[in-house]
Amino acid sequence: MAIRDSVRPRSGARNWWALLGFGAAVLVAAVVGGLAASDASGEYANLNQPSWAPPSWLFGPVWTALYATIAVAGWLVWRRVGFGPATYAWIAQLVLNAAWTPLFFGAGRYGLAFAEIVLLWLTIGVTVALFWRAFRPAALLMLPYWAWVTFAAALNFSVWQLNS
């Protein structure tokens, strides 16, 4: 029997409060990054960047959409299997997500931020694999995030090399 068949979806008021909780967790991760890098846009503009680097205004809309899908994906899996390996992996990737911005922008530690984003990328991969077993639509919601972090890792590496 597959994991997704072993637990019934949760319903009722608790379900909606949980969605708000997953949204709040993602919001905390976003706020941590925002507080650590209040002038990230200015810092980003002053870095030596590869020719393929996106404009700073693009990051806000992309992350807003990604954070929404991350929250919904986590909530969907929680509804299916509750707290367990899949949701713990989701929490781990969110903590790593929150840690990257302070390392890159707050501390200017581009090499350490690259090592951290590689760990984030791997943790997202584990999360996707566990979500796939629990509830495939949730795993699919995580794929744009994984793709963006892949791009962000390449950009981080390039910025690190160009600014060392």
Protein backbone atom coordinates (compact mmCIF):
# COMPACT_ATOMS: atom_id res chain seq x y z
CA MET A 1 0.00 0.00 0.00
CA ALA A 2 1.38 3.43 -0.93
CA ILE A 3 1.84 6.10 1.71
CA ARG A 4 -0.78 8.30 0.09
CA ASP A 5 -3.39 5.55 0.46
CA SER A 6 -2.70 4.88 4.12
CA VAL A 7 -3.94 8.18 5.59
CA ARG A 8 -7.15 10.00 4.77
CA PRO A 9 -7.03 13.68 3.87
CA ARG A 10 -7.71 15.95 6.82
CA SER A 11 -10.72 18.22 6.67
CA GLY A 12 -12.57 20.83 8.69
CA ALA A 13 -11.45 23.97 10.48
CA ARG A 14 -8.17 22.37 11.55
CA ASN A 15 -7.34 21.92 7.88
CA TRP A 16 -7.71 25.65 7.13
CA TRP A 17 -5.80 26.68 10.24
CA ALA A 18 -3.02 24.38 9.11
CA LEU A 19 -2.93 26.09 5.72
CA LEU A 20 -2.50 29.40 7.52
CA GLY A 21 0.26 27.79 9.60
CA PHE A 22 2.13 26.60 6.52
CA GLY A 23 1.69 30.06 5.00
CA ALA A 24 2.99 31.67 8.19
CA ALA A 25 6.04 29.39 8.22
CA VAL A 26 6.88 30.40 4.68
CA LEU A 27 6.27 34.05 5.53
CA VAL A 28 8.73 33.79 8.44
CA ALA A 29 11.37 32.38 6.07
CA ALA A 30 10.75 35.27 3.67
CA VAL A 31 10.86 37.88 6.45
CA VAL A 32 14.13 36.48 7.84
CA GLY A 33 15.66 36.94 4.41
CA GLY A 34 14.17 40.39 4.04
CA LEU A 35 15.43 41.58 7.42
CA ALA A 36 18.90 40.24 6.79
CA ALA A 37 19.19 42.05 3.49
CA SER A 38 17.20 45.25 3.68
CA ASP A 39 19.13 46.71 0.73
CA ALA A 40 19.53 43.51 -1.29
CA SER A 41 18.49 45.28 -4.49
CA GLY A 42 21.23 47.89 -4.09
CA GLU A 43 23.83 45.29 -3.13
CA TYR A 44 22.82 43.12 -6.08
CA ALA A 45 23.20 46.06 -8.47
CA ASN A 46 26.73 46.74 -7.19
CA LEU A 47 27.96 43.18 -7.70
CA ASN A 48 29.91 42.00 -10.71
CA GLN A 49 27.35 39.74 -12.39
CA PRO A 50 27.25 37.38 -15.34
CA SER A 51 25.55 38.67 -18.49
CA TRP A 52 22.61 36.33 -17.89
CA ALA A 53 21.81 37.67 -14.41
CA PRO A 54 18.17 38.77 -14.12
CA PRO A 55 17.21 42.31 -13.08
CA SER A 56 16.65 42.79 -9.34
CA TRP A 57 12.95 43.61 -9.77
CA LEU A 58 12.29 40.04 -10.96
CA PHE A 59 13.16 38.37 -7.66
CA GLY A 60 10.19 39.73 -5.68
CA PRO A 61 7.44 38.42 -7.98
CA VAL A 62 9.20 35.10 -8.55
CA TRP A 63 9.71 34.47 -4.83
CA THR A 64 6.15 35.52 -4.02
CA ALA A 65 4.78 32.89 -6.41
CA LEU A 66 7.28 30.27 -5.26
CA TYR A 67 6.58 30.84 -1.57
CA ALA A 68 2.87 30.39 -2.23
CA THR A 69 3.46 27.06 -3.98
CA ILE A 70 5.89 25.93 -1.26
CA ALA A 71 3.26 26.61 1.43
CA VAL A 72 0.47 24.85 -0.47
CA ALA A 73 2.69 21.86 -1.25
CA GLY A 74 3.65 21.42 2.39
CA TRP A 75 0.03 21.74 3.47
CA LEU A 76 -1.17 19.22 0.88
CA VAL A 77 1.33 16.64 2.08
CA TRP A 78 0.47 17.32 5.71
CA ARG A 79 -3.20 16.72 4.84
CA ARG A 80 -2.26 13.34 3.38
CA VAL A 81 0.33 11.99 5.80
CA GLY A 82 0.54 14.39 8.73
CA PHE A 83 3.89 15.15 10.28
CA GLY A 84 6.58 12.71 9.27
CA PRO A 85 9.64 12.44 7.01
CA ALA A 86 8.06 14.40 4.13
CA THR A 87 6.94 17.34 6.25
CA TYR A 88 10.21 17.31 8.21
CA ALA A 89 12.11 17.52 4.92
CA TRP A 90 9.82 20.43 3.96
CA ILE A 91 10.72 22.18 7.23
CA ALA A 92 14.44 21.54 6.68
CA GLN A 93 14.42 23.04 3.19
CA LEU A 94 12.51 26.06 4.50
CA VAL A 95 15.10 26.66 7.23
CA LEU A 96 17.89 26.40 4.65
CA ASN A 97 15.95 28.75 2.37
CA ALA A 98 15.76 31.33 5.17
CA ALA A 99 19.50 30.99 5.89
CA TRP A 100 20.73 31.75 2.37
CA THR A 101 19.89 35.47 2.16
CA PRO A 102 21.66 36.40 5.42
CA LEU A 103 24.77 34.55 4.22
CA PHE A 104 24.79 36.03 0.72
CA PHE A 105 23.55 39.57 1.25
CA GLY A 106 23.81 40.11 5.00
CA ALA A 107 27.33 38.70 5.44
CA GLY A 108 28.61 38.89 1.86
CA ARG A 109 29.87 35.31 2.21
CA TYR A 110 29.29 34.22 -1.40
CA GLY A 111 31.28 30.98 -1.15
CA LEU A 112 29.56 29.91 2.06
CA ALA A 113 26.21 30.92 0.55
CA PHE A 114 27.00 28.71 -2.46
CA ALA A 115 27.75 25.72 -0.21
CA GLU A 116 24.51 26.41 1.65
CA ILE A 117 22.44 26.67 -1.55
CA VAL A 118 23.85 23.33 -2.72
CA LEU A 119 22.64 21.83 0.56
CA LEU A 120 19.29 23.57 0.02
CA TRP A 121 19.09 22.13 -3.51
CA LEU A 122 19.75 18.62 -2.22
CA THR A 123 17.18 19.04 0.55
CA ILE A 124 14.57 20.23 -1.94
CA GLY A 125 15.34 17.09 -3.97
CA VAL A 126 14.74 14.89 -0.94
CA THR A 127 11.53 16.81 -0.25
CA VAL A 128 10.33 16.32 -3.82
CA ALA A 129 11.08 12.59 -3.65
CA LEU A 130 9.21 12.20 -0.36
CA PHE A 131 6.33 14.34 -1.61
CA TRP A 132 6.15 12.18 -4.75
CA ARG A 133 5.49 9.15 -2.59
CA ALA A 134 2.98 11.01 -0.38
CA PHE A 135 1.01 13.12 -2.90
CA ARG A 136 2.30 13.74 -6.42
CA PRO A 137 0.55 17.09 -7.03
CA ALA A 138 2.46 18.49 -4.04
CA ALA A 139 5.75 17.24 -5.50
CA LEU A 140 4.89 18.90 -8.80
CA LEU A 141 4.25 22.18 -6.99
CA MET A 142 7.82 22.03 -5.66
CA LEU A 143 9.43 21.61 -9.10
CA PRO A 144 9.41 25.32 -10.13
CA TYR A 145 11.05 26.14 -6.79
CA TRP A 146 13.70 23.47 -7.35
CA ALA A 147 14.33 24.83 -10.85
CA TRP A 148 14.65 28.40 -9.55
CA VAL A 149 17.08 27.31 -6.83
CA THR A 150 19.10 25.52 -9.53
CA PHE A 151 19.30 28.81 -11.43
CA ALA A 152 20.01 30.74 -8.22
CA ALA A 153 22.86 28.35 -7.36
CA ALA A 154 24.45 28.94 -10.77
CA LEU A 155 24.05 32.69 -10.29
CA ASN A 156 25.47 32.48 -6.75
CA PHE A 157 28.48 30.55 -8.05
CA SER A 158 29.07 33.07 -10.84
CA VAL A 159 28.77 36.05 -8.51
CA TRP A 160 31.15 34.37 -6.07
CA GLN A 161 33.72 33.84 -8.83
CA LEU A 162 33.32 37.34 -10.28
CA ASN A 163 33.56 39.08 -6.91
CA SER A 164 36.38 37.11 -5.24
